[in-house]
Amino acid sequence: MESGAGFPSDAALSETNTMSRFCLRPPALLAGVLVCGPALAVPGTVLDLYGRIGWAYDDNLLRIPDDAPAFDNQRSDSWRTLEAGAVYDRTISRQRLVAHAKLSKVKFDHFRQLDYDGRDIQGTWYWQLGNRFQGQLGVVHAQTLAPYTDFRSDQRNLRKQRRGFFEGGWKLHPRWEAHAAFSRDKYDYALAAQAFNDRTEDVAELEGRYLARSGSAVGLVLRRIEGSYPNRRPFSLGPLTDDFTQDELKARVDWKASGATTVQALAGYARRKQPSFGSGRMSGANGRVTLLHDPVGKLHYRASLWRDFAPIESTVVSYTLNKGASAGATWDARAKLRVEADAAYEKRDYNARAALPATAGLDDALRTASLKATWAPRQAISLSAGWFYQARSGSRLLGIGKFDSQSFAINASGQF
């Protein structure tokens, strides 16, 4: 769950779906994130092709602090994005196969050294055996531009992510289920100055869940996360790396409070051991609570609160303890026009290394806001426009300066 450049942090995504932790959010994909959702298959088809073209502008593309000189005397830039992809969705008896392949080409007007080709390939098998066993098995391979929020550079830094996951559920009783999940995520950074952020995360999870007649569900989740960093940071002292283990005991709740209101939560206790940071131990409340309110009508509301550990692509520290809140609304203004607004505030507490004084100044905050409108004149055609704002308060002790930025994007997409 990372804080990206020009995008909401992964903490703003629901932790109830572990696969959503790895959303890709570099500035070059602003047009896609702000004004495009995932490609939706046309009903009744197995294979859908789609294309997107977008233009975007950011007045502080590389997130330069207010008191720092800009690279090449330039803070702003605009870029164009071309994207083509395919979605395959087929059901065979009780098995469902879904595959998504997307290729993109991004070209900047000023910082041309950032031009890159992106890709996102995903495949999932939704399997079912009899009436009691079902789950998912899948892989993800993605390449995109890494965020610049906490790393100062004007060089292209491609980040590759490879993910494999398995989830299985066993219905012990009409009201009881047992679940197990395993996943491995591996991140590699092309820029040598960011090689210390290369890492592998292995996650194992067990859950027992009760299903109420109302459609609500509650479960108890045991989770262990093991992180491995093969390279040491520039400021690392001694032989220790950023390797960590994190053990969690949480409750997962999906409460249908009413016909229009749902409360989702994955919250409880987490204990993290990472010897390269201070005492190497942190523990306490950890998780997320989300409220969804969808009354009959044109307005839909959402809000979240969270407190969790998150990786950060910094030269000094590798993770933060984030505490935040977000709120948003969607307005179905017309049958073919939708408007969305979101805002979030997140405070990031850095666990100091032994070499850093444990004094005030080891924290900062990120504020984000966005507004976007999407018009779909036809079922397979959409036109979108979006505005996004991001600001960071900064931490003098860690050499992280204050900045703010505004971005604008327009986009057109079509399915075939």
Protein backbone atom coordinates (compact mmCIF):
# COMPACT_ATOMS: atom_id res chain seq x y z
CA MET A 1 0.00 0.00 0.00
CA GLU A 2 2.04 2.88 -1.30
CA SER A 3 1.83 6.60 -1.62
CA GLY A 4 2.12 7.44 -5.29
CA ALA A 5 2.94 10.63 -7.15
CA GLY A 6 -0.23 12.41 -8.01
CA PHE A 7 -2.59 9.67 -6.88
CA PRO A 8 -4.41 8.55 -3.75
CA SER A 9 -2.38 6.14 -1.67
CA ASP A 10 -3.22 2.48 -1.68
CA ALA A 11 -4.44 3.06 1.83
CA ALA A 12 -7.38 4.80 0.18
CA LEU A 13 -8.34 1.49 -1.41
CA SER A 14 -10.32 -1.13 0.49
CA GLU A 15 -8.12 -3.49 2.44
CA THR A 16 -10.94 -6.03 2.37
CA ASN A 17 -9.65 -7.03 -1.05
CA THR A 18 -5.97 -7.89 -0.68
CA MET A 19 -5.35 -7.71 -4.42
CA SER A 20 -6.35 -4.04 -4.47
CA ARG A 21 -3.25 -3.24 -2.40
CA PHE A 22 -1.13 -3.10 -5.53
CA CYS A 23 -2.84 -0.46 -7.63
CA LEU A 24 -0.43 1.29 -9.99
CA ARG A 25 -0.41 5.09 -9.70
CA PRO A 26 2.53 6.87 -11.40
CA PRO A 27 1.94 10.38 -12.73
CA ALA A 28 2.19 9.26 -16.33
CA LEU A 29 -0.97 7.22 -15.83
CA LEU A 30 -2.99 10.08 -14.38
CA ALA A 31 -5.32 10.17 -17.36
CA GLY A 32 -6.09 6.50 -16.97
CA VAL A 33 -6.62 6.61 -13.21
CA LEU A 34 -8.63 9.79 -13.01
CA VAL A 35 -10.85 9.45 -16.00
CA CYS A 36 -10.84 5.77 -16.89
CA GLY A 37 -11.91 2.82 -14.86
CA PRO A 38 -11.09 -0.77 -15.74
CA ALA A 39 -12.33 -1.92 -19.12
CA LEU A 40 -15.81 -3.42 -18.86
CA ALA A 41 -16.79 -6.27 -21.13
CA VAL A 42 -19.82 -5.80 -23.36
CA PRO A 43 -22.56 -8.19 -22.10
CA GLY A 44 -22.80 -11.41 -24.09
CA THR A 45 -19.26 -11.31 -25.50
CA VAL A 46 -16.21 -13.43 -24.67
CA LEU A 47 -13.42 -11.25 -26.08
CA ASP A 48 -13.47 -7.44 -26.04
CA LEU A 49 -10.89 -5.10 -27.50
CA TYR A 50 -10.56 -1.51 -26.36
CA GLY A 51 -8.45 1.55 -26.97
CA ARG A 52 -7.83 4.80 -25.11
CA ILE A 53 -6.21 8.08 -25.94
CA GLY A 54 -5.50 10.76 -23.35
CA TRP A 55 -3.79 14.06 -22.67
CA ALA A 56 -2.80 15.34 -19.22
CA TYR A 57 -0.97 18.26 -17.60
CA ASP A 58 0.67 18.52 -14.17
CA ASP A 59 2.06 21.77 -12.75
CA ASN A 60 4.58 19.90 -10.55
CA LEU A 61 5.17 16.63 -12.31
CA LEU A 62 8.21 15.49 -10.27
CA ARG A 63 6.87 16.73 -6.92
CA ILE A 64 9.63 19.31 -6.38
CA PRO A 65 9.51 20.94 -2.89
CA ASP A 66 8.57 24.62 -2.81
CA ASP A 67 12.04 25.70 -1.64
CA ALA A 68 14.04 23.50 -4.05
CA PRO A 69 15.17 24.30 -7.61
CA ALA A 70 13.36 22.54 -10.42
CA PHE A 71 15.01 20.10 -12.78
CA ASP A 72 15.96 21.87 -16.01
CA ASN A 73 14.18 24.97 -14.66
CA GLN A 74 10.87 23.20 -15.34
CA ARG A 75 8.22 22.01 -12.89
CA SER A 76 5.25 21.44 -15.16
CA ASP A 77 4.82 19.10 -18.08
CA SER A 78 2.13 17.54 -20.24
CA TRP A 79 1.99 14.12 -21.81
CA ARG A 80 -0.01 11.95 -24.17
CA THR A 81 -1.09 8.37 -23.55
CA LEU A 82 -2.06 5.72 -26.09
CA GLU A 83 -3.45 2.48 -24.77
CA ALA A 84 -4.76 -0.73 -26.30
CA GLY A 85 -6.00 -3.81 -24.56
CA ALA A 86 -8.16 -6.90 -24.58
CA VAL A 87 -10.44 -8.55 -22.03
CA TYR A 88 -11.25 -12.27 -22.23
CA ASP A 89 -14.07 -13.59 -20.05
CA ARG A 90 -15.44 -17.10 -20.49
CA THR A 91 -17.42 -19.44 -18.30
CA ILE A 92 -17.10 -23.19 -18.84
CA SER A 93 -19.49 -25.16 -16.67
CA ARG A 94 -18.64 -23.97 -13.13
CA GLN A 95 -15.24 -22.57 -14.06
CA ARG A 96 -14.65 -18.98 -15.16
CA LEU A 97 -11.52 -17.70 -16.91
CA VAL A 98 -10.77 -13.96 -17.02
CA ALA A 99 -7.71 -12.45 -18.71
CA HIS A 100 -6.77 -8.81 -19.25
CA ALA A 101 -3.86 -7.56 -21.34
CA LYS A 102 -3.04 -3.86 -21.75
CA LEU A 103 -0.18 -2.10 -23.52
CA SER A 104 0.39 1.65 -23.24
CA LYS A 105 2.77 4.22 -24.71
CA VAL A 106 3.40 7.46 -22.79
CA LYS A 107 5.22 10.46 -24.28
CA PHE A 108 6.09 13.64 -22.36
CA ASP A 109 6.46 17.05 -23.99
CA HIS A 110 9.43 18.34 -21.92
CA PHE A 111 10.89 15.52 -19.80
CA ARG A 112 11.24 13.21 -22.76
CA GLN A 113 13.64 10.93 -20.89
CA LEU A 114 10.57 9.72 -18.97
CA ASP A 115 8.87 8.34 -22.09
CA TYR A 116 8.06 4.68 -21.59
CA ASP A 117 6.03 1.68 -22.69
CA GLY A 118 3.80 0.24 -20.00
CA ARG A 119 2.09 -3.11 -19.74
CA ASP A 120 -0.42 -4.80 -17.50
CA ILE A 121 -1.19 -8.50 -17.94
CA GLN A 122 -3.54 -10.33 -15.58
CA GLY A 123 -5.15 -13.73 -15.58
CA THR A 124 -7.53 -15.30 -13.05
CA TRP A 125 -9.18 -18.69 -12.85
CA TYR A 126 -12.31 -18.61 -10.67
CA TRP A 127 -12.54 -22.27 -9.81
CA GLN A 128 -15.28 -24.33 -8.20
CA LEU A 129 -15.30 -27.99 -7.13
CA GLY A 130 -18.69 -29.35 -6.22
CA ASN A 131 -20.88 -27.27 -3.95
CA ARG A 132 -18.38 -26.74 -1.11
CA PHE A 133 -15.07 -25.63 -2.61
CA GLN A 134 -14.36 -22.51 -4.65
CA GLY A 135 -11.69 -19.83 -5.00
CA GLN A 136 -9.27 -18.02 -7.30
CA LEU A 137 -5.87 -18.69 -8.84
CA GLY A 138 -4.10 -15.98 -10.78
CA VAL A 139 -1.03 -14.06 -11.91
CA VAL A 140 -0.22 -10.40 -12.60
CA HIS A 141 2.68 -8.85 -14.52
CA ALA A 142 2.88 -5.06 -14.74
CA GLN A 143 5.40 -2.42 -15.77
CA THR A 144 4.87 1.27 -15.13
CA LEU A 145 6.63 4.44 -14.01
CA ALA A 146 7.36 4.51 -10.26
CA PRO A 147 6.04 7.47 -8.22
CA TYR A 148 8.15 10.57 -7.45
CA THR A 149 6.32 11.69 -4.31
CA ASP A 150 9.15 10.69 -1.96
CA PHE A 151 12.09 10.26 -4.33
CA ARG A 152 13.67 13.27 -6.02
CA SER A 153 14.87 12.56 -9.55
CA ASP A 154 14.18 13.45 -13.18
CA GLN A 155 15.25 10.04 -14.46
CA ARG A 156 12.95 7.36 -15.76
CA ASN A 157 12.39 4.74 -13.09
CA LEU A 158 10.35 1.80 -14.31
CA ARG A 159 8.87 -0.48 -11.71
CA LYS A 160 8.02 -4.10 -12.49
CA GLN A 161 5.57 -6.05 -10.40
CA ARG A 162 5.02 -9.79 -10.58
CA ARG A 163 2.28 -11.31 -8.50
CA GLY A 164 0.92 -14.81 -7.99
CA PHE A 165 -2.02 -15.61 -5.73
CA PHE A 166 -4.28 -18.44 -4.61
CA GLU A 167 -7.47 -18.28 -2.57
CA GLY A 168 -9.66 -21.19 -1.56
CA GLY A 169 -12.89 -21.42 0.42
CA TRP A 170 -14.62 -24.42 1.99
CA LYS A 171 -18.31 -24.15 2.93
CA LEU A 172 -18.52 -26.20 6.10
CA HIS A 173 -22.19 -25.34 6.64
CA PRO A 174 -24.72 -23.01 4.99
CA ARG A 175 -23.72 -20.42 7.61
CA TRP A 176 -19.97 -21.16 8.02
CA GLU A 177 -16.99 -20.90 5.67
CA ALA A 178 -13.26 -21.48 6.01
CA HIS A 179 -10.82 -19.59 3.78
CA ALA A 180 -7.09 -19.76 3.04
CA ALA A 181 -5.10 -17.39 0.83
CA PHE A 182 -1.48 -17.15 -0.28
CA SER A 183 0.25 -14.58 -2.46
CA ARG A 184 3.72 -13.44 -3.50
CA ASP A 185 4.53 -9.99 -4.87
CA LYS A 186 7.91 -9.08 -6.28
CA TYR A 187 8.93 -5.51 -7.15
CA ASP A 188 11.99 -4.56 -9.21
CA TYR A 189 13.17 -1.01 -9.99
CA ALA A 190 15.08 -0.23 -13.16
CA LEU A 191 16.89 2.84 -11.78
CA ALA A 192 20.03 1.87 -9.85
CA ALA A 193 19.41 4.69 -7.33
CA GLN A 194 16.15 2.95 -6.36
CA ALA A 195 17.44 -0.63 -6.25
CA PHE A 196 17.17 -0.61 -2.44
CA ASN A 197 13.37 -0.68 -2.88
CA ASP A 198 13.49 -4.05 -4.68
CA ARG A 199 11.51 -6.40 -2.50
CA THR A 200 9.43 -9.55 -2.24
CA GLU A 201 6.34 -9.83 -0.03
CA ASP A 202 4.82 -13.20 0.88
CA VAL A 203 1.36 -13.21 2.49
CA ALA A 204 -0.41 -16.17 4.10
CA GLU A 205 -3.93 -15.85 5.52
CA LEU A 206 -6.47 -18.07 7.28
CA GLU A 207 -10.05 -17.05 7.99
CA GLY A 208 -13.19 -18.46 9.54
CA ARG A 209 -16.37 -16.68 8.46
CA TYR A 210 -20.02 -16.65 9.57
CA LEU A 211 -22.70 -15.82 6.98
CA ALA A 212 -25.93 -14.32 8.34
CA ARG A 213 -29.31 -14.75 6.67
CA SER A 214 -29.43 -11.00 6.07
CA GLY A 215 -26.45 -11.19 3.73
CA SER A 216 -24.02 -9.80 6.30
CA ALA A 217 -20.83 -11.68 7.19
CA VAL A 218 -18.22 -11.59 9.93
CA GLY A 219 -14.91 -13.42 10.06
CA LEU A 220 -11.72 -13.77 12.09
CA VAL A 221 -8.52 -13.39 10.04
CA LEU A 222 -5.00 -14.59 10.88
CA ARG A 223 -2.38 -13.14 8.52
CA ARG A 224 1.40 -13.21 8.26
CA ILE A 225 3.42 -11.01 5.89
CA GLU A 226 7.12 -11.58 5.25
CA GLY A 227 9.08 -8.94 3.38
CA SER A 228 12.55 -9.41 1.92
CA TYR A 229 14.81 -6.56 0.70
CA PRO A 230 17.93 -7.88 -1.08
CA ASN A 231 19.66 -4.46 -1.20
CA ARG A 232 20.60 -2.11 1.65
CA ARG A 233 19.62 1.56 1.76
CA PRO A 234 22.21 4.32 1.31
CA PHE A 235 21.97 5.30 5.00
CA SER A 236 21.88 1.79 6.41
CA LEU A 237 24.33 1.09 9.24
CA GLY A 238 25.68 -2.39 9.92
CA PRO A 239 24.64 -5.64 8.24
CA LEU A 240 20.88 -5.26 8.78
CA THR A 241 18.51 -5.01 5.81
CA ASP A 242 14.90 -3.85 5.66
CA ASP A 243 13.55 -7.42 5.92
CA PHE A 244 10.43 -7.61 8.08
CA THR A 245 7.68 -9.85 9.39
CA GLN A 246 4.19 -8.69 10.26
CA ASP A 247 1.58 -10.75 12.13
CA GLU A 248 -2.07 -9.69 12.19
CA LEU A 249 -5.23 -10.74 13.99
CA LYS A 250 -8.23 -8.96 12.53
CA ALA A 251 -11.99 -9.09 12.21
CA ARG A 252 -13.48 -8.88 8.74
CA VAL A 253 -16.99 -7.43 8.72
CA ASP A 254 -19.45 -6.94 5.87
CA TRP A 255 -22.56 -5.53 7.56
CA LYS A 256 -25.69 -4.76 5.55
CA ALA A 257 -26.87 -2.09 7.94
CA SER A 258 -29.87 -1.30 5.74
CA GLY A 259 -30.97 -1.63 2.15
CA ALA A 260 -28.85 1.38 1.24
CA THR A 261 -25.99 1.28 3.77
CA THR A 262 -23.09 -1.17 4.04
CA VAL A 263 -20.22 -1.12 6.54
CA GLN A 264 -17.06 -3.01 5.59
CA ALA A 265 -14.12 -3.45 7.94
CA LEU A 266 -10.88 -5.36 8.22
CA ALA A 267 -9.42 -4.20 11.50
CA GLY A 268 -7.68 -5.49 14.59
CA TYR A 269 -4.12 -5.86 15.88
CA ALA A 270 -0.81 -5.98 13.99
CA ARG A 271 2.76 -6.55 15.19
CA ARG A 272 5.67 -5.66 12.93
CA LYS A 273 9.33 -6.63 13.37
CA GLN A 274 11.89 -4.80 11.24
CA PRO A 275 15.28 -4.73 13.01
CA SER A 276 16.84 -2.07 10.80
CA PHE A 277 14.50 0.56 12.30
CA GLY A 278 15.01 1.77 15.87
CA SER A 279 13.94 -0.95 18.30
CA GLY A 280 12.67 -2.97 15.34
CA ARG A 281 9.23 -3.55 16.85
CA MET A 282 5.93 -1.77 16.37
CA SER A 283 2.45 -2.94 17.27
CA GLY A 284 -1.07 -1.70 17.84
CA ALA A 285 -4.41 -1.14 16.17
CA ASN A 286 -4.32 -1.68 12.44
CA GLY A 287 -6.94 -1.79 9.69
CA ARG A 288 -9.64 0.03 7.77
CA VAL A 289 -13.36 0.76 8.08
CA THR A 290 -15.41 1.80 5.05
CA LEU A 291 -18.98 3.11 4.88
CA LEU A 292 -20.96 2.86 1.62
CA HIS A 293 -24.34 4.60 1.31
CA ASP A 294 -26.29 4.03 -1.90
CA PRO A 295 -29.80 5.40 -1.50
CA VAL A 296 -32.34 5.18 -4.29
CA GLY A 297 -31.59 8.23 -6.40
CA LYS A 298 -28.71 9.95 -8.12
CA LEU A 299 -26.27 10.43 -5.20
CA HIS A 300 -24.00 7.74 -3.72
CA TYR A 301 -21.62 8.29 -0.79
CA ARG A 302 -18.48 6.61 0.59
CA ALA A 303 -16.11 7.23 3.49
CA SER A 304 -13.13 5.42 5.04
CA LEU A 305 -10.89 5.52 8.10
CA TRP A 306 -7.58 3.61 8.30
CA ARG A 307 -4.48 3.01 10.37
CA ASP A 308 -1.95 0.73 8.73
CA PHE A 309 1.69 0.13 7.78
CA ALA A 310 2.64 1.02 4.21
CA PRO A 311 5.86 0.83 2.13
CA ILE A 312 7.37 4.10 0.91
CA GLU A 313 9.83 4.64 -1.95
CA SER A 314 12.27 6.81 -0.01
CA THR A 315 16.05 6.74 0.36
CA VAL A 316 15.83 7.00 4.16
CA VAL A 317 12.97 4.77 5.33
CA SER A 318 11.12 1.84 3.78
CA TYR A 319 7.72 2.07 5.49
CA THR A 320 5.41 4.38 7.41
CA LEU A 321 2.53 4.07 9.85
CA ASN A 322 -0.34 5.84 8.11
CA LYS A 323 -3.48 7.24 9.72
CA GLY A 324 -6.04 8.73 7.42
CA ALA A 325 -9.60 9.46 6.38
CA SER A 326 -11.34 9.88 3.04
CA ALA A 327 -14.78 10.83 1.77
CA GLY A 328 -16.36 10.86 -1.64
CA ALA A 329 -19.59 11.02 -3.59
CA THR A 330 -20.86 10.01 -7.03
CA TRP A 331 -23.62 11.92 -8.78
CA ASP A 332 -25.47 10.28 -11.66
CA ALA A 333 -26.34 13.62 -13.18
CA ARG A 334 -27.88 12.12 -16.32
CA ALA A 335 -28.37 8.66 -17.75
CA LYS A 336 -25.06 9.05 -19.62
CA LEU A 337 -23.21 11.50 -17.35
CA ARG A 338 -21.52 10.68 -14.04
CA VAL A 339 -19.61 13.06 -11.74
CA GLU A 340 -17.31 11.87 -8.92
CA ALA A 341 -15.61 13.83 -6.15
CA ASP A 342 -13.14 12.51 -3.54
CA ALA A 343 -10.92 13.95 -0.82
CA ALA A 344 -8.44 12.32 1.58
CA TYR A 345 -6.06 13.23 4.39
CA GLU A 346 -3.27 10.91 5.52
CA LYS A 347 -0.68 11.43 8.24
CA ARG A 348 2.51 9.40 7.83
CA ASP A 349 4.62 8.55 10.90
CA TYR A 350 8.16 7.36 10.14
CA ASN A 351 9.81 4.87 12.43
CA ALA A 352 13.30 6.34 12.92
CA ARG A 353 16.45 4.38 12.22
CA ALA A 354 18.88 4.04 15.10
CA ALA A 355 21.00 6.74 13.45
CA LEU A 356 18.17 9.27 13.53
CA PRO A 357 17.11 11.12 16.69
CA ALA A 358 13.67 10.09 17.92
CA THR A 359 12.43 13.66 18.11
CA ALA A 360 9.59 15.60 16.56
CA GLY A 361 9.68 16.00 12.83
CA LEU A 362 9.51 12.30 11.88
CA ASP A 363 6.09 12.68 10.27
CA ASP A 364 4.32 14.50 7.50
CA ALA A 365 0.89 14.52 5.84
CA LEU A 366 -0.57 14.10 2.38
CA ARG A 367 -3.77 15.81 1.25
CA THR A 368 -5.52 14.83 -1.96
CA ALA A 369 -8.69 15.85 -3.79
CA SER A 370 -10.13 14.93 -7.17
CA LEU A 371 -13.10 15.74 -9.37
CA LYS A 372 -13.95 13.89 -12.57
CA ALA A 373 -16.80 13.64 -15.03
CA THR A 374 -17.50 10.82 -17.47
CA TRP A 375 -19.89 11.01 -20.38
CA ALA A 376 -20.86 7.82 -22.25
CA PRO A 377 -22.79 8.76 -25.39
CA ARG A 378 -22.78 5.09 -26.44
CA GLN A 379 -22.41 1.84 -24.54
CA ALA A 380 -18.87 1.29 -25.83
CA ILE A 381 -17.68 4.92 -25.98
CA SER A 382 -16.78 7.26 -23.11
CA LEU A 383 -15.29 10.75 -22.83
CA SER A 384 -13.82 11.92 -19.54
CA ALA A 385 -12.21 14.91 -17.87
CA GLY A 386 -10.61 15.13 -14.44
CA TRP A 387 -8.83 17.42 -11.98
CA PHE A 388 -6.56 16.25 -9.18
CA TYR A 389 -4.80 18.01 -6.31
CA GLN A 390 -2.02 16.68 -4.06
CA ALA A 391 -0.05 18.39 -1.27
CA ARG A 392 2.60 17.20 1.21
CA SER A 393 3.48 18.99 4.44
CA GLY A 394 7.05 17.62 4.52
CA SER A 395 9.55 16.58 7.21
CA ARG A 396 12.68 18.71 7.66
CA LEU A 397 14.48 16.02 9.66
CA LEU A 398 14.15 13.56 6.78
CA GLY A 399 14.84 16.15 4.10
CA ILE A 400 11.33 15.89 2.67
CA GLY A 401 10.07 19.31 1.61
CA LYS A 402 6.62 20.80 1.32
CA PHE A 403 4.93 20.81 -2.09
CA ASP A 404 1.58 21.00 -3.80
CA SER A 405 0.47 20.12 -7.32
CA GLN A 406 -2.54 20.26 -9.60
CA SER A 407 -3.23 17.99 -12.55
CA PHE A 408 -5.75 17.99 -15.37
CA ALA A 409 -6.60 15.19 -17.78
CA ILE A 410 -8.94 14.41 -20.64
CA ASN A 411 -9.50 11.00 -22.14
CA ALA A 412 -11.50 9.15 -24.77
CA SER A 413 -11.98 5.38 -24.89
CA GLY A 414 -13.84 2.89 -27.02
CA GLN A 415 -14.58 -0.83 -27.05
CA PHE A 416 -14.82 -3.02 -30.11
